Amino acid sequence: MVDRQNHLLVRDRVVRECVARFNKKRRQYGSVDCVKSAAFVIRKAGVKIPYLKGKTYGTKKRAAELLRATGHATLVEATDALGLERIAPAATLPADIIALPVPADDPFGASLLIVHTSNARRAFGFDPLTHQFEIGVPDLSACLAAWRVPHG
């Protein structure tokens, strides 16, 4: 039981750090966006995955170009390529990642959110209504994918 509690404490810390870094900020491609928040969580979890390593972008167009250059059509494909375990959204823990759909004209095919509360009852990510990052209740019936982010 102690190991599981420590594991959850680490996850909680990572989520708090992510919220502290991105909460209430407006999206700025290359510094405050869903890929940067997912990369932040992965890095803070101690996982060595080259998510965006050496890649810089400052516009939506450049970000889309970089995604296509990886050979992936969507953020779901690119996140799958990291080798993270796919899980059911209802099985998520804090600091796991979920993908929700975006409008058809969005070049990324999904938006990545950080699970805030187990079972993705709440998630942290970009809210298109307020145009900033915040904690909200995701529509899991529309969830495209969910991944376990391993934590020490």
Protein backbone atom coordinates (compact mmCIF):
# COMPACT_ATOMS: atom_id res chain seq x y z
CA MET A 1 0.00 0.00 0.00
CA VAL A 2 2.83 2.43 0.74
CA ASP A 3 4.26 2.03 -2.77
CA ARG A 4 0.89 2.83 -4.36
CA GLN A 5 0.47 5.86 -2.10
CA ASN A 6 3.94 7.15 -3.00
CA HIS A 7 3.17 6.54 -6.67
CA LEU A 8 -0.01 8.62 -6.40
CA LEU A 9 1.80 11.37 -4.50
CA VAL A 10 4.32 11.64 -7.34
CA ARG A 11 1.48 11.84 -9.87
CA ASP A 12 -0.28 14.50 -7.81
CA ARG A 13 2.92 16.56 -7.60
CA VAL A 14 3.42 16.35 -11.36
CA VAL A 15 -0.14 17.52 -12.02
CA ARG A 16 0.21 20.41 -9.57
CA GLU A 17 3.45 21.50 -11.27
CA CYS A 18 1.79 21.33 -14.69
CA VAL A 19 -1.19 23.37 -13.50
CA ALA A 20 1.16 25.91 -11.89
CA ARG A 21 3.06 26.22 -15.18
CA PHE A 22 0.11 26.47 -17.61
CA ASN A 23 -3.08 27.41 -15.72
CA LYS A 24 -5.05 30.40 -17.04
CA LYS A 25 -2.49 31.04 -19.76
CA ARG A 26 -3.58 31.68 -23.31
CA ARG A 27 -2.29 29.31 -25.97
CA GLN A 28 1.00 30.34 -27.56
CA TYR A 29 2.30 27.75 -29.99
CA GLY A 30 5.75 26.61 -28.98
CA SER A 31 5.53 27.56 -25.32
CA VAL A 32 1.96 27.15 -24.04
CA ASP A 33 0.10 24.48 -25.99
CA CYS A 34 -1.21 20.96 -25.45
CA VAL A 35 1.94 19.29 -26.75
CA LYS A 36 4.12 21.37 -24.43
CA SER A 37 1.92 20.48 -21.43
CA ALA A 38 2.06 16.77 -22.32
CA ALA A 39 5.84 16.97 -22.78
CA PHE A 40 6.09 18.77 -19.43
CA VAL A 41 4.22 15.96 -17.64
CA ILE A 42 6.27 13.27 -19.35
CA ARG A 43 9.53 15.02 -18.44
CA LYS A 44 8.47 15.71 -14.83
CA ALA A 45 7.54 12.05 -14.50
CA GLY A 46 11.15 11.20 -15.23
CA VAL A 47 10.38 9.49 -18.53
CA LYS A 48 13.11 9.90 -21.12
CA ILE A 49 11.16 10.28 -24.35
CA PRO A 50 12.36 12.67 -27.06
CA TYR A 51 9.01 14.47 -27.29
CA LEU A 52 9.84 17.63 -29.27
CA LYS A 53 13.56 17.35 -28.55
CA GLY A 54 15.32 20.00 -30.60
CA LYS A 55 12.10 21.17 -32.24
CA THR A 56 10.96 24.77 -32.03
CA TYR A 57 7.87 26.41 -33.43
CA GLY A 58 6.03 29.62 -32.76
CA THR A 59 2.98 29.32 -34.97
CA LYS A 60 0.18 26.86 -35.58
CA LYS A 61 1.39 26.44 -39.17
CA ARG A 62 4.95 25.58 -38.09
CA ALA A 63 3.65 23.17 -35.43
CA ALA A 64 1.54 21.40 -38.06
CA GLU A 65 4.55 21.21 -40.38
CA LEU A 66 6.64 19.62 -37.62
CA LEU A 67 3.90 17.09 -36.90
CA ARG A 68 3.74 16.10 -40.58
CA ALA A 69 7.56 15.91 -40.73
CA THR A 70 7.42 13.17 -38.09
CA GLY A 71 5.30 11.14 -40.48
CA HIS A 72 2.22 11.35 -38.27
CA ALA A 73 -1.12 12.73 -39.36
CA THR A 74 -2.44 13.49 -35.87
CA LEU A 75 -1.32 14.06 -32.30
CA VAL A 76 -2.87 10.70 -31.41
CA GLU A 77 -0.51 8.97 -33.87
CA ALA A 78 2.47 10.98 -32.64
CA THR A 79 1.69 10.18 -29.00
CA ASP A 80 1.21 6.49 -29.83
CA ALA A 81 4.67 6.53 -31.40
CA LEU A 82 6.16 7.45 -27.99
CA GLY A 83 5.46 3.92 -26.81
CA LEU A 84 3.20 4.90 -23.92
CA GLU A 85 0.68 2.24 -22.94
CA ARG A 86 -2.83 2.86 -24.27
CA ILE A 87 -5.46 2.55 -21.55
CA ALA A 88 -9.18 3.12 -21.15
CA PRO A 89 -10.08 6.70 -20.18
CA ALA A 90 -11.91 5.34 -17.13
CA ALA A 91 -8.65 3.70 -15.98
CA THR A 92 -6.61 6.90 -15.99
CA LEU A 93 -4.73 8.25 -13.02
CA PRO A 94 -3.58 11.82 -12.40
CA ALA A 95 -0.85 12.85 -14.87
CA ASP A 96 -1.94 10.40 -17.56
CA ILE A 97 -2.83 11.87 -20.96
CA ILE A 98 -6.10 11.82 -22.88
CA ALA A 99 -6.90 13.01 -26.40
CA LEU A 100 -10.14 14.75 -27.27
CA PRO A 101 -11.41 15.66 -30.72
CA VAL A 102 -10.98 19.08 -32.26
CA PRO A 103 -12.87 20.72 -35.15
CA ALA A 104 -12.40 19.04 -38.53
CA ASP A 105 -10.28 21.91 -39.86
CA ASP A 106 -7.73 21.61 -37.03
CA PRO A 107 -4.44 20.25 -38.43
CA PHE A 108 -3.63 18.24 -35.28
CA GLY A 109 -6.65 15.94 -35.21
CA ALA A 110 -6.85 16.05 -31.41
CA SER A 111 -6.12 18.06 -28.31
CA LEU A 112 -4.05 16.49 -25.52
CA LEU A 113 -5.17 16.95 -21.93
CA ILE A 114 -3.56 16.00 -18.65
CA VAL A 115 -5.70 13.91 -16.32
CA HIS A 116 -6.24 15.90 -13.15
CA THR A 117 -8.55 13.53 -11.25
CA SER A 118 -8.53 9.73 -11.53
CA ASN A 119 -10.78 8.19 -14.17
CA ALA A 120 -10.44 11.48 -16.09
CA ARG A 121 -13.31 12.96 -14.11
CA ARG A 122 -11.41 16.23 -14.50
CA ALA A 123 -8.64 17.08 -16.91
CA PHE A 124 -6.32 20.00 -17.52
CA GLY A 125 -5.86 21.47 -20.95
CA PHE A 126 -6.78 24.12 -23.47
CA ASP A 127 -10.40 25.22 -23.31
CA PRO A 128 -11.52 26.55 -26.71
CA LEU A 129 -14.35 28.52 -25.09
CA THR A 130 -12.15 30.55 -22.73
CA HIS A 131 -9.05 30.37 -24.95
CA GLN A 132 -6.83 29.40 -22.05
CA PHE A 133 -5.59 26.38 -20.15
CA GLU A 134 -7.75 25.30 -17.24
CA ILE A 135 -9.21 22.36 -15.34
CA GLY A 136 -12.51 21.08 -16.68
CA VAL A 137 -14.75 18.06 -17.05
CA PRO A 138 -13.89 16.25 -20.29
CA ASP A 139 -16.50 14.52 -22.44
CA LEU A 140 -15.12 11.00 -22.18
CA SER A 141 -17.71 9.69 -24.63
CA ALA A 142 -15.73 11.57 -27.29
CA CYS A 143 -12.26 10.55 -26.02
CA LEU A 144 -10.01 9.44 -28.89
CA ALA A 145 -7.29 7.80 -26.77
CA ALA A 146 -5.74 7.67 -23.32
CA TRP A 147 -2.19 6.83 -22.32
CA ARG A 148 -0.52 5.81 -19.08
CA VAL A 149 2.44 8.01 -18.26
CA PRO A 150 4.74 5.89 -16.07
CA HIS A 151 5.82 7.60 -12.88
CA GLY A 152 8.61 6.72 -10.50
